[in-house]
Amino acid sequence: MPDWMILSDWPWLYSYGGLFILALLAASLLPLGSEWLLLVLLSQQLDPLALWLVASAGNTLGSVLNYALGYYAADRVIARQQPQLKLRRWQQAERWFGRYGIWSMLLAWLPLAGDLLTLVAGVLRANFPLFLLLVAIGKAARYALLVAGFDYMVG
């Protein structure tokens, strides 16, 4: 295993700040997840409410960055990157947004397609305050279920 993959060499990751950064990156188009770190930190008996807030805020901010990318760089970036975004997932995100409009942002927590949904929202210039509210609700609900599930299983 390459040295950079050994997580024990990255102690900062096992913190509120590490969770925030990983949650933010997990909401981007990068193939990352933050749920595992949330569960690890819960097992270390860090404050569940603080972990929920940090993960929700980081993941929501990551979606805001996707929205901004779509809003400001759609013509240049999307046209060049669409084949790499897996055309099928891109079309699925467009269909969901076309069918459910801004309300599809409640599904922004879904892996892969949810990240593309937030990008599509930016491309289509969705109402930003409503976008932010719905994304925050969806992301916070997902992390709340993880925290509650952990408490139920371990507690």
N, C-alpha and C. Protein backbone atom coordinates (compact mmCIF):
# COMPACT_ATOMS: atom_id res chain seq x y z
N MET A 1 0.85 -1.18 0.00
CA MET A 1 0.00 0.00 0.00
C MET A 1 0.90 1.25 0.00
N PRO A 2 0.62 2.21 -0.88
CA PRO A 2 1.44 3.43 -0.90
C PRO A 2 1.36 4.18 0.43
N ASP A 3 2.45 4.83 0.79
CA ASP A 3 2.51 5.56 2.06
C ASP A 3 1.40 6.59 2.21
N TRP A 4 1.02 7.27 1.12
CA TRP A 4 0.01 8.32 1.22
C TRP A 4 -1.37 7.77 1.57
N MET A 5 -1.56 6.46 1.43
CA MET A 5 -2.86 5.86 1.72
C MET A 5 -2.99 5.42 3.18
N ILE A 6 -1.95 5.51 3.95
CA ILE A 6 -2.00 5.09 5.35
C ILE A 6 -2.58 6.23 6.18
N LEU A 7 -3.82 6.06 6.61
CA LEU A 7 -4.54 7.14 7.29
C LEU A 7 -3.96 7.50 8.64
N SER A 8 -3.23 6.59 9.25
CA SER A 8 -2.64 6.92 10.56
C SER A 8 -1.59 8.02 10.42
N ASP A 9 -1.12 8.24 9.20
CA ASP A 9 -0.17 9.33 8.96
C ASP A 9 -0.88 10.68 8.84
N TRP A 10 -2.18 10.68 8.86
CA TRP A 10 -2.97 11.90 8.72
C TRP A 10 -3.83 12.10 9.97
N PRO A 11 -3.23 12.32 11.14
CA PRO A 11 -4.02 12.41 12.37
C PRO A 11 -5.03 13.56 12.36
N TRP A 12 -4.74 14.62 11.62
CA TRP A 12 -5.66 15.76 11.54
C TRP A 12 -7.01 15.35 10.96
N LEU A 13 -7.01 14.26 10.17
CA LEU A 13 -8.26 13.81 9.55
C LEU A 13 -9.27 13.37 10.60
N TYR A 14 -8.78 12.83 11.72
CA TYR A 14 -9.66 12.31 12.75
C TYR A 14 -10.05 13.42 13.73
N SER A 15 -10.72 14.43 13.21
CA SER A 15 -11.10 15.59 14.00
C SER A 15 -12.33 16.23 13.37
N TYR A 16 -12.88 17.23 14.06
CA TYR A 16 -14.00 17.97 13.50
C TYR A 16 -13.59 18.62 12.18
N GLY A 17 -12.39 19.20 12.14
CA GLY A 17 -11.91 19.84 10.92
C GLY A 17 -11.73 18.86 9.78
N GLY A 18 -11.21 17.68 10.10
CA GLY A 18 -11.05 16.64 9.09
C GLY A 18 -12.39 16.20 8.53
N LEU A 19 -13.38 16.06 9.42
CA LEU A 19 -14.72 15.68 8.98
C LEU A 19 -15.31 16.75 8.07
N PHE A 20 -15.13 18.02 8.45
CA PHE A 20 -15.64 19.12 7.62
C PHE A 20 -15.04 19.07 6.22
N ILE A 21 -13.72 18.92 6.15
CA ILE A 21 -13.04 18.90 4.85
C ILE A 21 -13.46 17.69 4.02
N LEU A 22 -13.52 16.52 4.65
CA LEU A 22 -13.91 15.32 3.92
C LEU A 22 -15.37 15.40 3.47
N ALA A 23 -16.25 15.93 4.31
CA ALA A 23 -17.66 16.09 3.93
C ALA A 23 -17.79 17.07 2.76
N LEU A 24 -17.01 18.14 2.80
CA LEU A 24 -17.02 19.11 1.70
C LEU A 24 -16.56 18.44 0.40
N LEU A 25 -15.44 17.72 0.46
CA LEU A 25 -14.92 17.06 -0.74
C LEU A 25 -15.85 15.95 -1.22
N ALA A 26 -16.53 15.29 -0.28
CA ALA A 26 -17.44 14.21 -0.65
C ALA A 26 -18.64 14.72 -1.44
N ALA A 27 -18.99 15.98 -1.26
CA ALA A 27 -20.11 16.57 -2.00
C ALA A 27 -19.68 17.05 -3.38
N SER A 28 -18.39 17.01 -3.65
CA SER A 28 -17.90 17.42 -4.97
C SER A 28 -18.04 16.24 -5.93
N LEU A 29 -17.50 16.39 -7.09
CA LEU A 29 -17.56 15.31 -8.07
C LEU A 29 -16.48 14.25 -7.83
N LEU A 30 -15.68 14.44 -6.78
CA LEU A 30 -14.67 13.44 -6.43
C LEU A 30 -15.34 12.22 -5.81
N PRO A 31 -14.85 11.03 -6.09
CA PRO A 31 -15.47 9.81 -5.54
C PRO A 31 -15.03 9.56 -4.09
N LEU A 32 -15.53 10.37 -3.19
CA LEU A 32 -15.19 10.25 -1.77
C LEU A 32 -16.46 10.10 -0.95
N GLY A 33 -16.31 9.60 0.26
CA GLY A 33 -17.42 9.52 1.20
C GLY A 33 -16.96 9.99 2.56
N SER A 34 -17.87 10.57 3.31
CA SER A 34 -17.53 11.06 4.65
C SER A 34 -18.22 10.27 5.76
N GLU A 35 -19.12 9.40 5.38
CA GLU A 35 -19.89 8.67 6.38
C GLU A 35 -19.00 7.81 7.27
N TRP A 36 -18.00 7.18 6.69
CA TRP A 36 -17.12 6.32 7.47
C TRP A 36 -16.41 7.10 8.57
N LEU A 37 -15.97 8.33 8.24
CA LEU A 37 -15.26 9.13 9.24
C LEU A 37 -16.22 9.59 10.33
N LEU A 38 -17.44 9.93 9.95
CA LEU A 38 -18.44 10.30 10.96
C LEU A 38 -18.63 9.15 11.95
N LEU A 39 -18.75 7.94 11.45
CA LEU A 39 -18.94 6.78 12.34
C LEU A 39 -17.71 6.52 13.20
N VAL A 40 -16.53 6.69 12.63
CA VAL A 40 -15.29 6.52 13.41
C VAL A 40 -15.26 7.54 14.55
N LEU A 41 -15.56 8.80 14.24
CA LEU A 41 -15.52 9.85 15.26
C LEU A 41 -16.61 9.65 16.31
N LEU A 42 -17.77 9.14 15.90
CA LEU A 42 -18.81 8.82 16.88
C LEU A 42 -18.33 7.71 17.81
N SER A 43 -17.60 6.74 17.25
CA SER A 43 -17.09 5.65 18.09
C SER A 43 -16.02 6.14 19.07
N GLN A 44 -15.40 7.28 18.78
CA GLN A 44 -14.42 7.89 19.68
C GLN A 44 -15.10 8.78 20.72
N GLN A 45 -16.41 8.76 20.71
CA GLN A 45 -17.26 9.47 21.67
C GLN A 45 -17.12 10.99 21.60
N LEU A 46 -16.91 11.51 20.39
CA LEU A 46 -16.98 12.96 20.20
C LEU A 46 -18.45 13.36 20.23
N ASP A 47 -18.71 14.62 20.43
CA ASP A 47 -20.08 15.12 20.58
C ASP A 47 -20.90 14.86 19.31
N PRO A 48 -21.96 14.04 19.39
CA PRO A 48 -22.75 13.71 18.21
C PRO A 48 -23.40 14.94 17.56
N LEU A 49 -23.88 15.88 18.36
CA LEU A 49 -24.51 17.07 17.80
C LEU A 49 -23.48 17.90 17.02
N ALA A 50 -22.30 18.06 17.58
CA ALA A 50 -21.25 18.82 16.89
C ALA A 50 -20.83 18.11 15.61
N LEU A 51 -20.69 16.79 15.66
CA LEU A 51 -20.33 16.03 14.45
C LEU A 51 -21.39 16.17 13.38
N TRP A 52 -22.65 16.11 13.78
CA TRP A 52 -23.76 16.27 12.83
C TRP A 52 -23.72 17.64 12.18
N LEU A 53 -23.51 18.68 12.98
CA LEU A 53 -23.45 20.04 12.45
C LEU A 53 -22.27 20.21 11.49
N VAL A 54 -21.11 19.73 11.88
CA VAL A 54 -19.90 19.87 11.07
C VAL A 54 -20.05 19.12 9.74
N ALA A 55 -20.51 17.88 9.79
CA ALA A 55 -20.67 17.09 8.57
C ALA A 55 -21.72 17.71 7.65
N SER A 56 -22.84 18.15 8.23
CA SER A 56 -23.90 18.76 7.43
C SER A 56 -23.42 20.05 6.78
N ALA A 57 -22.71 20.88 7.54
CA ALA A 57 -22.22 22.15 7.00
C ALA A 57 -21.18 21.92 5.90
N GLY A 58 -20.24 21.01 6.12
CA GLY A 58 -19.23 20.74 5.11
C GLY A 58 -19.82 20.19 3.84
N ASN A 59 -20.75 19.25 3.97
CA ASN A 59 -21.35 18.63 2.80
C ASN A 59 -22.23 19.63 2.04
N THR A 60 -22.92 20.48 2.78
CA THR A 60 -23.74 21.51 2.14
C THR A 60 -22.86 22.50 1.39
N LEU A 61 -21.76 22.91 2.00
CA LEU A 61 -20.85 23.84 1.34
C LEU A 61 -20.26 23.22 0.07
N GLY A 62 -19.98 21.94 0.10
CA GLY A 62 -19.50 21.26 -1.10
C GLY A 62 -20.52 21.33 -2.23
N SER A 63 -21.79 21.19 -1.89
CA SER A 63 -22.85 21.31 -2.89
C SER A 63 -22.95 22.73 -3.42
N VAL A 64 -22.73 23.71 -2.55
CA VAL A 64 -22.72 25.11 -2.98
C VAL A 64 -21.59 25.33 -3.99
N LEU A 65 -20.45 24.72 -3.76
CA LEU A 65 -19.34 24.84 -4.72
C LEU A 65 -19.71 24.21 -6.07
N ASN A 66 -20.41 23.08 -6.05
CA ASN A 66 -20.89 22.48 -7.30
C ASN A 66 -21.84 23.43 -8.02
N TYR A 67 -22.76 24.03 -7.26
CA TYR A 67 -23.71 24.98 -7.83
C TYR A 67 -22.95 26.13 -8.50
N ALA A 68 -21.96 26.66 -7.79
CA ALA A 68 -21.18 27.78 -8.32
C ALA A 68 -20.42 27.36 -9.58
N LEU A 69 -19.88 26.15 -9.58
CA LEU A 69 -19.19 25.66 -10.76
C LEU A 69 -20.14 25.61 -11.95
N GLY A 70 -21.33 25.06 -11.72
CA GLY A 70 -22.33 25.02 -12.79
C GLY A 70 -22.77 26.40 -13.23
N TYR A 71 -22.94 27.28 -12.28
CA TYR A 71 -23.45 28.63 -12.56
C TYR A 71 -22.43 29.46 -13.35
N TYR A 72 -21.19 29.43 -12.90
CA TYR A 72 -20.18 30.32 -13.49
C TYR A 72 -19.32 29.70 -14.58
N ALA A 73 -19.20 28.39 -14.59
CA ALA A 73 -18.27 27.78 -15.53
C ALA A 73 -18.92 26.73 -16.42
N ALA A 74 -20.23 26.74 -16.50
CA ALA A 74 -20.94 25.69 -17.22
C ALA A 74 -20.48 25.57 -18.67
N ASP A 75 -20.43 26.66 -19.37
CA ASP A 75 -20.11 26.59 -20.79
C ASP A 75 -18.72 26.00 -21.03
N ARG A 76 -17.76 26.43 -20.24
CA ARG A 76 -16.38 25.97 -20.46
C ARG A 76 -16.13 24.59 -19.88
N VAL A 77 -16.54 24.37 -18.65
CA VAL A 77 -16.18 23.13 -17.96
C VAL A 77 -17.08 21.97 -18.37
N ILE A 78 -18.37 22.16 -18.35
CA ILE A 78 -19.29 21.06 -18.61
C ILE A 78 -19.11 20.54 -20.03
N ALA A 79 -18.96 21.42 -20.98
CA ALA A 79 -18.80 20.99 -22.37
C ALA A 79 -17.58 20.09 -22.52
N ARG A 80 -16.51 20.40 -21.83
CA ARG A 80 -15.28 19.61 -21.92
C ARG A 80 -15.33 18.35 -21.07
N GLN A 81 -15.97 18.41 -19.91
CA GLN A 81 -15.91 17.32 -18.94
C GLN A 81 -17.08 16.35 -19.01
N GLN A 82 -18.13 16.67 -19.75
CA GLN A 82 -19.33 15.84 -19.72
C GLN A 82 -19.04 14.36 -19.98
N PRO A 83 -18.20 13.98 -20.94
CA PRO A 83 -17.94 12.54 -21.12
C PRO A 83 -17.37 11.89 -19.86
N GLN A 84 -16.57 12.62 -19.11
CA GLN A 84 -15.99 12.07 -17.90
C GLN A 84 -16.99 12.05 -16.75
N LEU A 85 -18.08 12.80 -16.87
CA LEU A 85 -19.10 12.82 -15.83
C LEU A 85 -20.07 11.66 -15.99
N LYS A 86 -19.74 10.75 -16.90
CA LYS A 86 -20.60 9.61 -17.16
C LYS A 86 -21.96 10.10 -17.64
N LEU A 87 -22.10 10.19 -18.92
CA LEU A 87 -23.26 10.78 -19.58
C LEU A 87 -24.57 10.27 -19.00
N ARG A 88 -24.65 8.99 -18.67
CA ARG A 88 -25.89 8.42 -18.14
C ARG A 88 -26.30 9.10 -16.83
N ARG A 89 -25.34 9.30 -15.93
CA ARG A 89 -25.64 9.95 -14.65
C ARG A 89 -26.01 11.41 -14.85
N TRP A 90 -25.31 12.06 -15.78
CA TRP A 90 -25.62 13.47 -16.09
C TRP A 90 -27.07 13.58 -16.58
N GLN A 91 -27.46 12.69 -17.51
CA GLN A 91 -28.82 12.72 -18.04
C GLN A 91 -29.84 12.40 -16.96
N GLN A 92 -29.51 11.48 -16.06
CA GLN A 92 -30.42 11.16 -14.96
C GLN A 92 -30.62 12.38 -14.07
N ALA A 93 -29.56 13.10 -13.76
CA ALA A 93 -29.67 14.31 -12.94
C ALA A 93 -30.51 15.36 -13.65
N GLU A 94 -30.31 15.52 -14.96
CA GLU A 94 -31.11 16.48 -15.72
C GLU A 94 -32.59 16.09 -15.71
N ARG A 95 -32.87 14.78 -15.86
CA ARG A 95 -34.27 14.32 -15.84
C ARG A 95 -34.92 14.60 -14.49
N TRP A 96 -34.21 14.26 -13.41
CA TRP A 96 -34.75 14.52 -12.07
C TRP A 96 -35.04 15.99 -11.89
N PHE A 97 -34.08 16.83 -12.30
CA PHE A 97 -34.28 18.27 -12.13
C PHE A 97 -35.41 18.74 -13.03
N GLY A 98 -35.50 18.18 -14.24
CA GLY A 98 -36.59 18.55 -15.15
C GLY A 98 -37.95 18.14 -14.61
N ARG A 99 -38.01 16.99 -13.97
CA ARG A 99 -39.28 16.48 -13.46
C ARG A 99 -39.68 17.13 -12.14
N TYR A 100 -38.75 17.26 -11.23
CA TYR A 100 -39.07 17.74 -9.88
C TYR A 100 -38.60 19.16 -9.60
N GLY A 101 -37.86 19.73 -10.53
CA GLY A 101 -37.39 21.10 -10.36
C GLY A 101 -36.50 21.24 -9.14
N ILE A 102 -36.60 22.38 -8.52
CA ILE A 102 -35.75 22.69 -7.37
C ILE A 102 -35.93 21.69 -6.23
N TRP A 103 -37.10 21.05 -6.15
CA TRP A 103 -37.37 20.09 -5.07
C TRP A 103 -36.48 18.86 -5.15
N SER A 104 -35.90 18.62 -6.32
CA SER A 104 -34.97 17.49 -6.44
C SER A 104 -33.73 17.70 -5.59
N MET A 105 -33.51 18.92 -5.11
CA MET A 105 -32.35 19.18 -4.26
C MET A 105 -32.45 18.46 -2.92
N LEU A 106 -33.64 18.02 -2.55
CA LEU A 106 -33.78 17.19 -1.35
C LEU A 106 -33.06 15.86 -1.52
N LEU A 107 -32.76 15.50 -2.78
CA LEU A 107 -32.06 14.25 -3.08
C LEU A 107 -30.57 14.47 -3.31
N ALA A 108 -30.08 15.64 -3.01
CA ALA A 108 -28.67 15.96 -3.26
C ALA A 108 -27.72 15.10 -2.43
N TRP A 109 -28.23 14.40 -1.43
CA TRP A 109 -27.39 13.55 -0.60
C TRP A 109 -27.08 12.21 -1.27
N LEU A 110 -27.79 11.88 -2.35
CA LEU A 110 -27.56 10.60 -3.02
C LEU A 110 -26.15 10.54 -3.60
N PRO A 111 -25.49 9.41 -3.50
CA PRO A 111 -24.15 9.29 -4.07
C PRO A 111 -24.16 9.52 -5.58
N LEU A 112 -23.18 10.21 -6.08
CA LEU A 112 -22.93 10.49 -7.49
C LEU A 112 -24.02 11.31 -8.16
N ALA A 113 -25.23 10.77 -8.28
CA ALA A 113 -26.30 11.53 -8.95
C ALA A 113 -26.63 12.80 -8.20
N GLY A 114 -26.58 12.77 -6.88
CA GLY A 114 -26.87 13.96 -6.09
C GLY A 114 -25.86 15.07 -6.32
N ASP A 115 -24.60 14.70 -6.48
CA ASP A 115 -23.57 15.70 -6.75
C ASP A 115 -23.82 16.35 -8.11
N LEU A 116 -24.20 15.54 -9.08
CA LEU A 116 -24.51 16.08 -10.40
C LEU A 116 -25.76 16.95 -10.37
N LEU A 117 -26.73 16.58 -9.53
CA LEU A 117 -27.93 17.41 -9.39
C LEU A 117 -27.58 18.83 -8.98
N THR A 118 -26.66 18.97 -8.06
CA THR A 118 -26.29 20.31 -7.59
C THR A 118 -25.57 21.09 -8.68
N LEU A 119 -24.82 20.40 -9.51
CA LEU A 119 -24.17 21.03 -10.65
C LEU A 119 -25.21 21.48 -11.68
N VAL A 120 -26.18 20.61 -11.96
CA VAL A 120 -27.27 20.95 -12.89
C VAL A 120 -28.04 22.15 -12.38
N ALA A 121 -28.28 22.21 -11.07
CA ALA A 121 -29.00 23.36 -10.50
C ALA A 121 -28.27 24.66 -10.79
N GLY A 122 -26.95 24.64 -10.72
CA GLY A 122 -26.18 25.83 -11.05
C GLY A 122 -26.25 26.16 -12.52
N VAL A 123 -26.11 25.14 -13.36
CA VAL A 123 -26.19 25.35 -14.81
C VAL A 123 -27.53 25.98 -15.18
N LEU A 124 -28.60 25.50 -14.56
CA LEU A 124 -29.95 25.99 -14.87
C LEU A 124 -30.35 27.22 -14.06
N ARG A 125 -29.41 27.76 -13.29
CA ARG A 125 -29.63 29.00 -12.53
C ARG A 125 -30.82 28.90 -11.58
N ALA A 126 -30.86 27.78 -10.84
CA ALA A 126 -31.94 27.58 -9.86
C ALA A 126 -31.87 28.68 -8.80
N ASN A 127 -33.01 28.95 -8.19
CA ASN A 127 -33.11 29.95 -7.11
C ASN A 127 -32.15 29.54 -5.99
N PHE A 128 -31.12 30.36 -5.75
CA PHE A 128 -30.07 29.95 -4.81
C PHE A 128 -30.55 29.83 -3.36
N PRO A 129 -31.30 30.78 -2.80
CA PRO A 129 -31.73 30.60 -1.40
C PRO A 129 -32.54 29.32 -1.20
N LEU A 130 -33.43 29.01 -2.14
CA LEU A 130 -34.22 27.79 -2.01
C LEU A 130 -33.33 26.56 -2.22
N PHE A 131 -32.42 26.63 -3.16
CA PHE A 131 -31.44 25.56 -3.37
C PHE A 131 -30.70 25.27 -2.06
N LEU A 132 -30.18 26.31 -1.44
CA LEU A 132 -29.41 26.16 -0.21
C LEU A 132 -30.25 25.54 0.90
N LEU A 133 -31.47 26.00 1.06
CA LEU A 133 -32.35 25.46 2.10
C LEU A 133 -32.63 23.98 1.87
N LEU A 134 -33.00 23.61 0.65
CA LEU A 134 -33.36 22.22 0.37
C LEU A 134 -32.15 21.28 0.47
N VAL A 135 -31.02 21.73 -0.04
CA VAL A 135 -29.80 20.91 0.06
C VAL A 135 -29.43 20.71 1.53
N ALA A 136 -29.47 21.78 2.31
CA ALA A 136 -29.12 21.68 3.73
C ALA A 136 -30.07 20.73 4.46
N ILE A 137 -31.35 20.79 4.15
CA ILE A 137 -32.32 19.88 4.78
C ILE A 137 -31.98 18.43 4.44
N GLY A 138 -31.76 18.15 3.16
CA GLY A 138 -31.47 16.78 2.73
C GLY A 138 -30.18 16.25 3.33
N LYS A 139 -29.14 17.06 3.30
CA LYS A 139 -27.84 16.63 3.83
C LYS A 139 -27.91 16.43 5.35
N ALA A 140 -28.54 17.37 6.04
CA ALA A 140 -28.66 17.27 7.50
C ALA A 140 -29.49 16.05 7.89
N ALA A 141 -30.54 15.76 7.13
CA ALA A 141 -31.37 14.59 7.43
C ALA A 141 -30.57 13.30 7.28
N ARG A 142 -29.75 13.23 6.23
CA ARG A 142 -28.94 12.03 6.03
C ARG A 142 -27.97 11.82 7.19
N TYR A 143 -27.27 12.87 7.58
CA TYR A 143 -26.31 12.74 8.68
C TYR A 143 -27.03 12.48 10.01
N ALA A 144 -28.22 13.04 10.19
CA ALA A 144 -28.99 12.78 11.40
C ALA A 144 -29.36 11.30 11.48
N LEU A 145 -29.73 10.72 10.35
CA LEU A 145 -30.05 9.29 10.33
C LEU A 145 -28.82 8.44 10.66
N LEU A 146 -27.67 8.84 10.17
CA LEU A 146 -26.44 8.11 10.49
C LEU A 146 -26.12 8.19 11.98
N VAL A 147 -26.23 9.39 12.54
CA VAL A 147 -25.95 9.57 13.97
C VAL A 147 -26.95 8.78 14.81
N ALA A 148 -28.24 8.87 14.45
CA ALA A 148 -29.27 8.15 15.19
C ALA A 148 -29.09 6.64 15.05
N GLY A 149 -28.75 6.19 13.84
CA GLY A 149 -28.52 4.76 13.61
C GLY A 149 -27.34 4.25 14.41
N PHE A 150 -26.29 5.04 14.47
CA PHE A 150 -25.12 4.66 15.27
C PHE A 150 -25.51 4.55 16.74
N ASP A 151 -26.24 5.55 17.22
CA ASP A 151 -26.66 5.55 18.62
C ASP A 151 -27.54 4.34 18.92
N TYR A 152 -28.42 4.00 18.00
CA TYR A 152 -29.31 2.86 18.18
C TYR A 152 -28.52 1.54 18.20
N MET A 153 -27.56 1.42 17.28
CA MET A 153 -26.81 0.17 17.17
C MET A 153 -25.78 -0.01 18.29
N VAL A 154 -25.17 1.09 18.70
CA VAL A 154 -24.08 1.00 19.68
C VAL A 154 -24.54 1.40 21.07
N GLY A 155 -25.42 2.42 21.08
CA GLY A 155 -25.84 3.05 22.32
C GLY A 155 -26.41 2.14 23.32
